Amino acid sequence: MSTADKDYGEKRDFIRMTLNAEALIHLADQTPPLTAQCTDLSATGISLVAAQPLAKGTEVRVTIESPNEQFRSLDARARLLRCEARDDQSYQLGMEILSLR
């Protein structure tokens, strides 16, 4: 089934999982990494809430440690697609996953 055949709420090709997990955003020119909260994850994207904005197009490495030894931790190369200011002085970051390590 193509996305055109799906109901409006189901236009995504990949299911989005709601999460509440700490993530680290590793920037090429910054140490230590930024701490963020992962709010959802799919096969092709990740949504994070961070204390500071990032520029659209910025490529980063995002890591999320797994709390369970049976599941691998997430280690992804990602590109920022959007950055939106939130009412609580934080920023919603929408990222495209480019590759998994």
PDB file of N, CA and C in Angstrom:
ATOM      1  N   MET A   1       0.841  -1.168   0.000  1.00  0.00           N
ATOM      2  CA  MET A   1       0.000   0.000   0.000  1.00  0.00           C
ATOM      3  C   MET A   1       0.890   1.236   0.000  1.00  0.00           C
ATOM      4  N   SER A   2       0.620   2.163  -0.893  1.00  0.00           N
ATOM      5  CA  SER A   2       1.396   3.393  -0.940  1.00  0.00           C
ATOM      6  C   SER A   2       0.869   4.376   0.098  1.00  0.00           C
ATOM      7  N   THR A   3       1.645   5.430   0.364  1.00  0.00           N
ATOM      8  CA  THR A   3       1.192   6.414   1.341  1.00  0.00           C
ATOM      9  C   THR A   3      -0.050   7.148   0.855  1.00  0.00           C
ATOM     10  N   ALA A   4      -0.260   7.253  -0.461  1.00  0.00           N
ATOM     11  CA  ALA A   4      -1.450   7.917  -1.002  1.00  0.00           C
ATOM     12  C   ALA A   4      -2.722   7.143  -0.668  1.00  0.00           C
ATOM     13  N   ASP A   5      -2.618   5.809  -0.478  1.00  0.00           N
ATOM     14  CA  ASP A   5      -3.778   4.972  -0.179  1.00  0.00           C
ATOM     15  C   ASP A   5      -4.112   4.934   1.305  1.00  0.00           C
ATOM     16  N   LYS A   6      -3.271   5.477   2.154  1.00  0.00           N
ATOM     17  CA  LYS A   6      -3.474   5.407   3.598  1.00  0.00           C
ATOM     18  C   LYS A   6      -4.328   6.567   4.090  1.00  0.00           C
ATOM     19  N   ASP A   7      -4.981   6.358   5.247  1.00  0.00           N
ATOM     20  CA  ASP A   7      -5.699   7.447   5.898  1.00  0.00           C
ATOM     21  C   ASP A   7      -4.708   8.553   6.223  1.00  0.00           C
ATOM     22  N   TYR A   8      -5.193   9.784   6.411  1.00  0.00           N
ATOM     23  CA  TYR A   8      -4.318  10.920   6.667  1.00  0.00           C
ATOM     24  C   TYR A   8      -3.375  10.684   7.841  1.00  0.00           C
ATOM     25  N   GLY A   9      -3.868  10.111   8.919  1.00  0.00           N
ATOM     26  CA  GLY A   9      -3.053   9.877  10.101  1.00  0.00           C
ATOM     27  C   GLY A   9      -2.010   8.790   9.921  1.00  0.00           C
ATOM     28  N   GLU A  10      -2.066   8.054   8.834  1.00  0.00           N
ATOM     29  CA  GLU A  10      -1.153   6.930   8.597  1.00  0.00           C
ATOM     30  C   GLU A  10      -0.311   7.147   7.348  1.00  0.00           C
ATOM     31  N   LYS A  11       0.120   8.369   7.073  1.00  0.00           N
ATOM     32  CA  LYS A  11       0.886   8.674   5.866  1.00  0.00           C
ATOM     33  C   LYS A  11       2.347   8.237   5.946  1.00  0.00           C
ATOM     34  N   ARG A  12       2.820   7.859   7.104  1.00  0.00           N
ATOM     35  CA  ARG A  12       4.222   7.474   7.249  1.00  0.00           C
ATOM     36  C   ARG A  12       4.457   6.063   6.739  1.00  0.00           C
ATOM     37  N   ASP A  13       5.642   5.848   6.158  1.00  0.00           N
ATOM     38  CA  ASP A  13       6.031   4.509   5.719  1.00  0.00           C
ATOM     39  C   ASP A  13       6.536   3.664   6.878  1.00  0.00           C
ATOM     40  N   PHE A  14       6.964   4.307   7.963  1.00  0.00           N
ATOM     41  CA  PHE A  14       7.502   3.600   9.118  1.00  0.00           C
ATOM     42  C   PHE A  14       6.760   4.033  10.372  1.00  0.00           C
ATOM     43  N   ILE A  15       6.496   3.093  11.244  1.00  0.00           N
ATOM     44  CA  ILE A  15       5.802   3.375  12.494  1.00  0.00           C
ATOM     45  C   ILE A  15       6.704   4.208  13.391  1.00  0.00           C
ATOM     46  N   ARG A  16       6.124   5.190  14.048  1.00  0.00           N
ATOM     47  CA  ARG A  16       6.840   6.054  14.971  1.00  0.00           C
ATOM     48  C   ARG A  16       6.604   5.542  16.384  1.00  0.00           C
ATOM     49  N   MET A  17       7.697   5.301  17.125  1.00  0.00           N
ATOM     50  CA  MET A  17       7.609   4.851  18.518  1.00  0.00           C
ATOM     51  C   MET A  17       7.779   6.043  19.449  1.00  0.00           C
ATOM     52  N   THR A  18       6.866   6.197  20.373  1.00  0.00           N
ATOM     53  CA  THR A  18       6.998   7.230  21.391  1.00  0.00           C
ATOM     54  C   THR A  18       8.004   6.757  22.430  1.00  0.00           C
ATOM     55  N   LEU A  19       8.939   7.635  22.761  1.00  0.00           N
ATOM     56  CA  LEU A  19       9.972   7.310  23.742  1.00  0.00           C
ATOM     57  C   LEU A  19      10.087   8.429  24.770  1.00  0.00           C
ATOM     58  N   ASN A  20      10.723   8.116  25.853  1.00  0.00           N
ATOM     59  CA  ASN A  20      11.126   9.100  26.841  1.00  0.00           C
ATOM     60  C   ASN A  20      12.496   8.641  27.328  1.00  0.00           C
ATOM     61  N   ALA A  21      13.518   8.946  26.538  1.00  0.00           N
ATOM     62  CA  ALA A  21      14.857   8.447  26.827  1.00  0.00           C
ATOM     63  C   ALA A  21      15.889   9.566  26.665  1.00  0.00           C
ATOM     64  N   GLU A  22      16.893   9.550  27.517  1.00  0.00           N
ATOM     65  CA  GLU A  22      17.974  10.527  27.387  1.00  0.00           C
ATOM     66  C   GLU A  22      18.810  10.206  26.161  1.00  0.00           C
ATOM     67  N   ALA A  23      19.129  11.241  25.404  1.00  0.00           N
ATOM     68  CA  ALA A  23      19.960  11.108  24.210  1.00  0.00           C
ATOM     69  C   ALA A  23      21.133  12.074  24.310  1.00  0.00           C
ATOM     70  N   LEU A  24      22.204  11.738  23.643  1.00  0.00           N
ATOM     71  CA  LEU A  24      23.354  12.632  23.546  1.00  0.00           C
ATOM     72  C   LEU A  24      23.513  13.034  22.091  1.00  0.00           C
ATOM     73  N   ILE A  25      23.693  14.331  21.862  1.00  0.00           N
ATOM     74  CA  ILE A  25      23.917  14.862  20.513  1.00  0.00           C
ATOM     75  C   ILE A  25      25.389  15.242  20.434  1.00  0.00           C
ATOM     76  N   HIS A  26      26.122  14.522  19.601  1.00  0.00           N
ATOM     77  CA  HIS A  26      27.556  14.747  19.448  1.00  0.00           C
ATOM     78  C   HIS A  26      27.779  15.638  18.222  1.00  0.00           C
ATOM     79  N   LEU A  27      28.262  16.853  18.466  1.00  0.00           N
ATOM     80  CA  LEU A  27      28.587  17.784  17.388  1.00  0.00           C
ATOM     81  C   LEU A  27      30.076  17.670  17.080  1.00  0.00           C
ATOM     82  N   ALA A  28      30.442  17.861  15.831  1.00  0.00           N
ATOM     83  CA  ALA A  28      31.835  17.694  15.411  1.00  0.00           C
ATOM     84  C   ALA A  28      32.783  18.628  16.156  1.00  0.00           C
ATOM     85  N   ASP A  29      32.327  19.832  16.486  1.00  0.00           N
ATOM     86  CA  ASP A  29      33.226  20.828  17.077  1.00  0.00           C
ATOM     87  C   ASP A  29      32.925  21.127  18.537  1.00  0.00           C
ATOM     88  N   GLN A  30      32.196  20.244  19.215  1.00  0.00           N
ATOM     89  CA  GLN A  30      31.811  20.531  20.595  1.00  0.00           C
ATOM     90  C   GLN A  30      31.988  19.319  21.495  1.00  0.00           C
ATOM     91  N   THR A  31      32.634  19.549  22.639  1.00  0.00           N
ATOM     92  CA  THR A  31      32.766  18.533  23.676  1.00  0.00           C
ATOM     93  C   THR A  31      32.429  19.206  24.988  1.00  0.00           C
ATOM     94  N   PRO A  32      31.670  18.665  25.854  1.00  0.00           N
ATOM     95  CA  PRO A  32      30.983  17.374  25.762  1.00  0.00           C
ATOM     96  C   PRO A  32      29.745  17.468  24.877  1.00  0.00           C
ATOM     97  N   PRO A  33      29.102  16.322  24.604  1.00  0.00           N
ATOM     98  CA  PRO A  33      27.896  16.339  23.769  1.00  0.00           C
ATOM     99  C   PRO A  33      26.740  17.036  24.483  1.00  0.00           C
ATOM    100  N   LEU A  34      25.763  17.484  23.699  1.00  0.00           N
ATOM    101  CA  LEU A  34      24.545  18.082  24.256  1.00  0.00           C
ATOM    102  C   LEU A  34      23.651  16.971  24.783  1.00  0.00           C
ATOM    103  N   THR A  35      23.002  17.219  25.897  1.00  0.00           N
ATOM    104  CA  THR A  35      22.029  16.280  26.429  1.00  0.00           C
ATOM    105  C   THR A  35      20.662  16.670  25.898  1.00  0.00           C
ATOM    106  N   ALA A  36      19.885  15.679  25.471  1.00  0.00           N
ATOM    107  CA  ALA A  36      18.546  15.920  24.940  1.00  0.00           C
ATOM    108  C   ALA A  36      17.620  14.810  25.414  1.00  0.00           C
ATOM    109  N   GLN A  37      16.341  14.999  25.174  1.00  0.00           N
ATOM    110  CA  GLN A  37      15.340  13.983  25.499  1.00  0.00           C
ATOM    111  C   GLN A  37      14.739  13.504  24.181  1.00  0.00           C
ATOM    112  N   CYS A  38      14.820  12.204  23.936  1.00  0.00           N
ATOM    113  CA  CYS A  38      14.228  11.627  22.735  1.00  0.00           C
ATOM    114  C   CYS A  38      12.736  11.443  23.000  1.00  0.00           C
ATOM    115  N   THR A  39      11.891  12.008  22.127  1.00  0.00           N
ATOM    116  CA  THR A  39      10.447  11.902  22.303  1.00  0.00           C
ATOM    117  C   THR A  39       9.817  10.887  21.364  1.00  0.00           C
ATOM    118  N   ASP A  40      10.437  10.673  20.206  1.00  0.00           N
ATOM    119  CA  ASP A  40       9.986   9.580  19.348  1.00  0.00           C
ATOM    120  C   ASP A  40      11.052   9.203  18.334  1.00  0.00           C
ATOM    121  N   LEU A  41      10.875   7.993  17.802  1.00  0.00           N
ATOM    122  CA  LEU A  41      11.879   7.381  16.931  1.00  0.00           C
ATOM    123  C   LEU A  41      11.179   6.522  15.888  1.00  0.00           C
ATOM    124  N   SER A  42      11.679   6.583  14.656  1.00  0.00           N
ATOM    125  CA  SER A  42      11.203   5.677  13.609  1.00  0.00           C
ATOM    126  C   SER A  42      12.421   5.143  12.876  1.00  0.00           C
ATOM    127  N   ALA A  43      12.200   4.360  11.850  1.00  0.00           N
ATOM    128  CA  ALA A  43      13.315   3.791  11.090  1.00  0.00           C
ATOM    129  C   ALA A  43      14.109   4.862  10.350  1.00  0.00           C
ATOM    130  N   THR A  44      13.499   6.010  10.077  1.00  0.00           N
ATOM    131  CA  THR A  44      14.174   7.040   9.291  1.00  0.00           C
ATOM    132  C   THR A  44      14.330   8.380   9.993  1.00  0.00           C
ATOM    133  N   GLY A  45      13.797   8.510  11.216  1.00  0.00           N
ATOM    134  CA  GLY A  45      13.878   9.804  11.881  1.00  0.00           C
ATOM    135  C   GLY A  45      13.824   9.706  13.386  1.00  0.00           C
ATOM    136  N   ILE A  46      14.189  10.822  14.004  1.00  0.00           N
ATOM    137  CA  ILE A  46      14.210  10.907  15.464  1.00  0.00           C
ATOM    138  C   ILE A  46      13.809  12.318  15.861  1.00  0.00           C
ATOM    139  N   SER A  47      13.044  12.419  16.936  1.00  0.00           N
ATOM    140  CA  SER A  47      12.620  13.712  17.463  1.00  0.00           C
ATOM    141  C   SER A  47      13.207  13.875  18.856  1.00  0.00           C
ATOM    142  N   LEU A  48      13.852  15.022  19.073  1.00  0.00           N
ATOM    143  CA  LEU A  48      14.531  15.286  20.340  1.00  0.00           C
ATOM    144  C   LEU A  48      14.115  16.648  20.879  1.00  0.00           C
ATOM    145  N   VAL A  49      14.176  16.803  22.191  1.00  0.00           N
ATOM    146  CA  VAL A  49      13.990  18.103  22.835  1.00  0.00           C
ATOM    147  C   VAL A  49      15.327  18.460  23.480  1.00  0.00           C
ATOM    148  N   ALA A  50      15.838  19.635  23.133  1.00  0.00           N
ATOM    149  CA  ALA A  50      17.140  20.067  23.637  1.00  0.00           C
ATOM    150  C   ALA A  50      17.048  21.490  24.187  1.00  0.00           C
ATOM    151  N   ALA A  51      18.023  21.867  24.994  1.00  0.00           N
ATOM    152  CA  ALA A  51      18.045  23.186  25.618  1.00  0.00           C
ATOM    153  C   ALA A  51      18.536  24.277  24.686  1.00  0.00           C
ATOM    154  N   GLN A  52      19.198  23.902  23.598  1.00  0.00           N
ATOM    155  CA  GLN A  52      19.692  24.920  22.679  1.00  0.00           C
ATOM    156  C   GLN A  52      19.347  24.557  21.247  1.00  0.00           C
ATOM    157  N   PRO A  53      19.206  25.572  20.382  1.00  0.00           N
ATOM    158  CA  PRO A  53      18.862  25.306  18.982  1.00  0.00           C
ATOM    159  C   PRO A  53      20.077  24.834  18.189  1.00  0.00           C
ATOM    160  N   LEU A  54      19.793  24.192  17.077  1.00  0.00           N
ATOM    161  CA  LEU A  54      20.824  23.810  16.110  1.00  0.00           C
ATOM    162  C   LEU A  54      20.399  24.340  14.752  1.00  0.00           C
ATOM    163  N   ALA A  55      21.348  24.561  13.881  1.00  0.00           N
ATOM    164  CA  ALA A  55      21.057  25.067  12.543  1.00  0.00           C
ATOM    165  C   ALA A  55      20.558  23.948  11.637  1.00  0.00           C
ATOM    166  N   LYS A  56      19.552  24.262  10.834  1.00  0.00           N
ATOM    167  CA  LYS A  56      19.026  23.305   9.866  1.00  0.00           C
ATOM    168  C   LYS A  56      20.166  22.812   8.976  1.00  0.00           C
ATOM    169  N   GLY A  57      20.198  21.508   8.739  1.00  0.00           N
ATOM    170  CA  GLY A  57      21.239  20.906   7.913  1.00  0.00           C
ATOM    171  C   GLY A  57      22.441  20.402   8.691  1.00  0.00           C
ATOM    172  N   THR A  58      22.524  20.738   9.982  1.00  0.00           N
ATOM    173  CA  THR A  58      23.642  20.286  10.813  1.00  0.00           C
ATOM    174  C   THR A  58      23.638  18.762  10.897  1.00  0.00           C
ATOM    175  N   GLU A  59      24.778  18.149  10.660  1.00  0.00           N
ATOM    176  CA  GLU A  59      24.908  16.702  10.804  1.00  0.00           C
ATOM    177  C   GLU A  59      25.548  16.396  12.147  1.00  0.00           C
ATOM    178  N   VAL A  60      24.963  15.435  12.845  1.00  0.00           N
ATOM    179  CA  VAL A  60      25.391  15.092  14.200  1.00  0.00           C
ATOM    180  C   VAL A  60      25.415  13.574  14.350  1.00  0.00           C
ATOM    181  N   ARG A  61      25.943  13.151  15.452  1.00  0.00           N
ATOM    182  CA  ARG A  61      25.846  11.752  15.881  1.00  0.00           C
ATOM    183  C   ARG A  61      24.939  11.757  17.106  1.00  0.00           C
ATOM    184  N   VAL A  62      23.931  10.892  17.109  1.00  0.00           N
ATOM    185  CA  VAL A  62      23.002  10.795  18.228  1.00  0.00           C
ATOM    186  C   VAL A  62      23.164   9.411  18.850  1.00  0.00           C
ATOM    187  N   THR A  63      23.332   9.380  20.177  1.00  0.00           N
ATOM    188  CA  THR A  63      23.429   8.099  20.875  1.00  0.00           C
ATOM    189  C   THR A  63      22.376   8.042  21.976  1.00  0.00           C
ATOM    190  N   ILE A  64      21.793   6.858  22.129  1.00  0.00           N
ATOM    191  CA  ILE A  64      20.853   6.579  23.211  1.00  0.00           C
ATOM    192  C   ILE A  64      21.255   5.236  23.788  1.00  0.00           C
ATOM    193  N   GLU A  65      21.629   5.236  25.054  1.00  0.00           N
ATOM    194  CA  GLU A  65      22.035   3.993  25.710  1.00  0.00           C
ATOM    195  C   GLU A  65      20.812   3.125  25.979  1.00  0.00           C
ATOM    196  N   SER A  66      20.928   1.844  25.717  1.00  0.00           N
ATOM    197  CA  SER A  66      19.845   0.912  26.005  1.00  0.00           C
ATOM    198  C   SER A  66      19.880   0.522  27.478  1.00  0.00           C
ATOM    199  N   PRO A  67      18.727   0.551  28.147  1.00  0.00           N
ATOM    200  CA  PRO A  67      18.699   0.129  29.552  1.00  0.00           C
ATOM    201  C   PRO A  67      18.656  -1.391  29.701  1.00  0.00           C
ATOM    202  N   ASN A  68      18.582  -2.104  28.587  1.00  0.00           N
ATOM    203  CA  ASN A  68      18.421  -3.554  28.586  1.00  0.00           C
ATOM    204  C   ASN A  68      19.538  -4.182  27.758  1.00  0.00           C
ATOM    205  N   GLU A  69      20.270  -5.108  28.320  1.00  0.00           N
ATOM    206  CA  GLU A  69      21.387  -5.745  27.616  1.00  0.00           C
ATOM    207  C   GLU A  69      20.947  -6.534  26.382  1.00  0.00           C
ATOM    208  N   GLN A  70      19.676  -6.882  26.296  1.00  0.00           N
ATOM    209  CA  GLN A  70      19.178  -7.647  25.153  1.00  0.00           C
ATOM    210  C   GLN A  70      19.012  -6.785  23.909  1.00  0.00           C
ATOM    211  N   PHE A  71      19.006  -5.456  24.074  1.00  0.00           N
ATOM    212  CA  PHE A  71      18.831  -4.548  22.951  1.00  0.00           C
ATOM    213  C   PHE A  71      20.046  -3.656  22.809  1.00  0.00           C
ATOM    214  N   ARG A  72      20.474  -3.461  21.568  1.00  0.00           N
ATOM    215  CA  ARG A  72      21.621  -2.593  21.305  1.00  0.00           C
ATOM    216  C   ARG A  72      21.273  -1.138  21.568  1.00  0.00           C
ATOM    217  N   SER A  73      22.261  -0.383  21.967  1.00  0.00           N
ATOM    218  CA  SER A  73      22.092   1.065  22.097  1.00  0.00           C
ATOM    219  C   SER A  73      21.988   1.665  20.696  1.00  0.00           C
ATOM    220  N   LEU A  74      21.340   2.812  20.589  1.00  0.00           N
ATOM    221  CA  LEU A  74      21.234   3.508  19.303  1.00  0.00           C
ATOM    222  C   LEU A  74      22.474   4.360  19.108  1.00  0.00           C
ATOM    223  N   ASP A  75      23.057   4.289  17.951  1.00  0.00           N
ATOM    224  CA  ASP A  75      24.198   5.112  17.571  1.00  0.00           C
ATOM    225  C   ASP A  75      23.980   5.470  16.110  1.00  0.00           C
ATOM    226  N   ALA A  76      23.536   6.707  15.857  1.00  0.00           N
ATOM    227  CA  ALA A  76      23.118   7.094  14.508  1.00  0.00           C
ATOM    228  C   ALA A  76      23.773   8.389  14.063  1.00  0.00           C
ATOM    229  N   ARG A  77      24.009   8.471  12.778  1.00  0.00           N
ATOM    230  CA  ARG A  77      24.399   9.731  12.138  1.00  0.00           C
ATOM    231  C   ARG A  77      23.103  10.340  11.635  1.00  0.00           C
ATOM    232  N   ALA A  78      22.864  11.617  11.943  1.00  0.00           N
ATOM    233  CA  ALA A  78      21.589  12.244  11.608  1.00  0.00           C
ATOM    234  C   ALA A  78      21.793  13.677  11.132  1.00  0.00           C
ATOM    235  N   ARG A  79      20.775  14.185  10.396  1.00  0.00           N
ATOM    236  CA  ARG A  79      20.798  15.565   9.884  1.00  0.00           C
ATOM    237  C   ARG A  79      19.555  16.290  10.398  1.00  0.00           C
ATOM    238  N   LEU A  80      19.757  17.501  10.887  1.00  0.00           N
ATOM    239  CA  LEU A  80      18.651  18.294  11.401  1.00  0.00           C
ATOM    240  C   LEU A  80      17.789  18.814  10.253  1.00  0.00           C
ATOM    241  N   LEU A  81      16.496  18.493  10.292  1.00  0.00           N
ATOM    242  CA  LEU A  81      15.549  18.968   9.288  1.00  0.00           C
ATOM    243  C   LEU A  81      14.767  20.176   9.783  1.00  0.00           C
ATOM    244  N   ARG A  82      14.484  20.215  11.085  1.00  0.00           N
ATOM    245  CA  ARG A  82      13.744  21.362  11.629  1.00  0.00           C
ATOM    246  C   ARG A  82      14.095  21.561  13.104  1.00  0.00           C
ATOM    247  N   CYS A  83      13.975  22.805  13.525  1.00  0.00           N
ATOM    248  CA  CYS A  83      14.232  23.194  14.910  1.00  0.00           C
ATOM    249  C   CYS A  83      13.164  24.221  15.270  1.00  0.00           C
ATOM    250  N   GLU A  84      12.309  23.866  16.216  1.00  0.00           N
ATOM    251  CA  GLU A  84      11.202  24.747  16.595  1.00  0.00           C
ATOM    252  C   GLU A  84      11.299  25.096  18.073  1.00  0.00           C
ATOM    253  N   ALA A  85      11.202  26.394  18.389  1.00  0.00           N
ATOM    254  CA  ALA A  85      11.202  26.843  19.783  1.00  0.00           C
ATOM    255  C   ALA A  85       9.911  26.389  20.457  1.00  0.00           C
ATOM    256  N   ARG A  86      10.038  25.946  21.697  1.00  0.00           N
ATOM    257  CA  ARG A  86       8.880  25.532  22.490  1.00  0.00           C
ATOM    258  C   ARG A  86       8.612  26.573  23.566  1.00  0.00           C
ATOM    259  N   ASP A  87       7.444  26.533  24.175  1.00  0.00           N
ATOM    260  CA  ASP A  87       7.068  27.504  25.207  1.00  0.00           C
ATOM    261  C   ASP A  87       7.946  27.429  26.451  1.00  0.00           C
ATOM    262  N   ASP A  88       8.561  26.274  26.707  1.00  0.00           N
ATOM    263  CA  ASP A  88       9.359  26.091  27.928  1.00  0.00           C
ATOM    264  C   ASP A  88      10.842  26.442  27.741  1.00  0.00           C
ATOM    265  N   GLN A  89      11.161  27.242  26.733  1.00  0.00           N
ATOM    266  CA  GLN A  89      12.531  27.681  26.450  1.00  0.00           C
ATOM    267  C   GLN A  89      13.432  26.569  25.924  1.00  0.00           C
ATOM    268  N   SER A  90      12.850  25.457  25.479  1.00  0.00           N
ATOM    269  CA  SER A  90      13.626  24.380  24.864  1.00  0.00           C
ATOM    270  C   SER A  90      13.297  24.347  23.364  1.00  0.00           C
ATOM    271  N   TYR A  91      13.908  23.404  22.655  1.00  0.00           N
ATOM    272  CA  TYR A  91      13.749  23.325  21.199  1.00  0.00           C
ATOM    273  C   TYR A  91      13.422  21.898  20.780  1.00  0.00           C
ATOM    274  N   GLN A  92      12.428  21.766  19.915  1.00  0.00           N
ATOM    275  CA  GLN A  92      12.066  20.474  19.328  1.00  0.00           C
ATOM    276  C   GLN A  92      12.899  20.298  18.069  1.00  0.00           C
ATOM    277  N   LEU A  93      13.704  19.236  18.028  1.00  0.00           N
ATOM    278  CA  LEU A  93      14.587  18.972  16.896  1.00  0.00           C
ATOM    279  C   LEU A  93      14.068  17.767  16.119  1.00  0.00           C
ATOM    280  N   GLY A  94      13.791  17.949  14.853  1.00  0.00           N
ATOM    281  CA  GLY A  94      13.381  16.857  13.987  1.00  0.00           C
ATOM    282  C   GLY A  94      14.554  16.463  13.112  1.00  0.00           C
ATOM    283  N   MET A  95      15.000  15.210  13.227  1.00  0.00           N
ATOM    284  CA  MET A  95      16.198  14.770  12.513  1.00  0.00           C
ATOM    285  C   MET A  95      15.927  13.563  11.624  1.00  0.00           C
ATOM    286  N   GLU A  96      16.600  13.564  10.499  1.00  0.00           N
ATOM    287  CA  GLU A  96      16.582  12.434   9.583  1.00  0.00           C
ATOM    288  C   GLU A  96      17.769  11.538   9.917  1.00  0.00           C
ATOM    289  N   ILE A  97      17.506  10.242  10.096  1.00  0.00           N
ATOM    290  CA  ILE A  97      18.594   9.304  10.348  1.00  0.00           C
ATOM    291  C   ILE A  97      19.263   8.978   9.021  1.00  0.00           C
ATOM    292  N   LEU A  98      20.559   9.241   8.915  1.00  0.00           N
ATOM    293  CA  LEU A  98      21.322   8.993   7.699  1.00  0.00           C
ATOM    294  C   LEU A  98      21.920   7.589   7.682  1.00  0.00           C
ATOM    295  N   SER A  99      22.399   7.145   8.842  1.00  0.00           N
ATOM    296  CA  SER A  99      22.969   5.794   8.946  1.00  0.00           C
ATOM    297  C   SER A  99      23.031   5.390  10.407  1.00  0.00           C
ATOM    298  N   LEU A 100      23.080   4.085  10.609  1.00  0.00           N
ATOM    299  CA  LEU A 100      23.236   3.526  11.947  1.00  0.00           C
ATOM    300  C   LEU A 100      24.610   2.912  12.055  1.00  0.00           C
ATOM    301  N   ARG A 101      25.226   3.032  13.216  1.00  0.00           N
ATOM    302  CA  ARG A 101      26.554   2.481  13.433  1.00  0.00           C
ATOM    303  C   ARG A 101      26.429   1.154  14.137  1.00  0.00           C
TER     304      ARG A 101
END
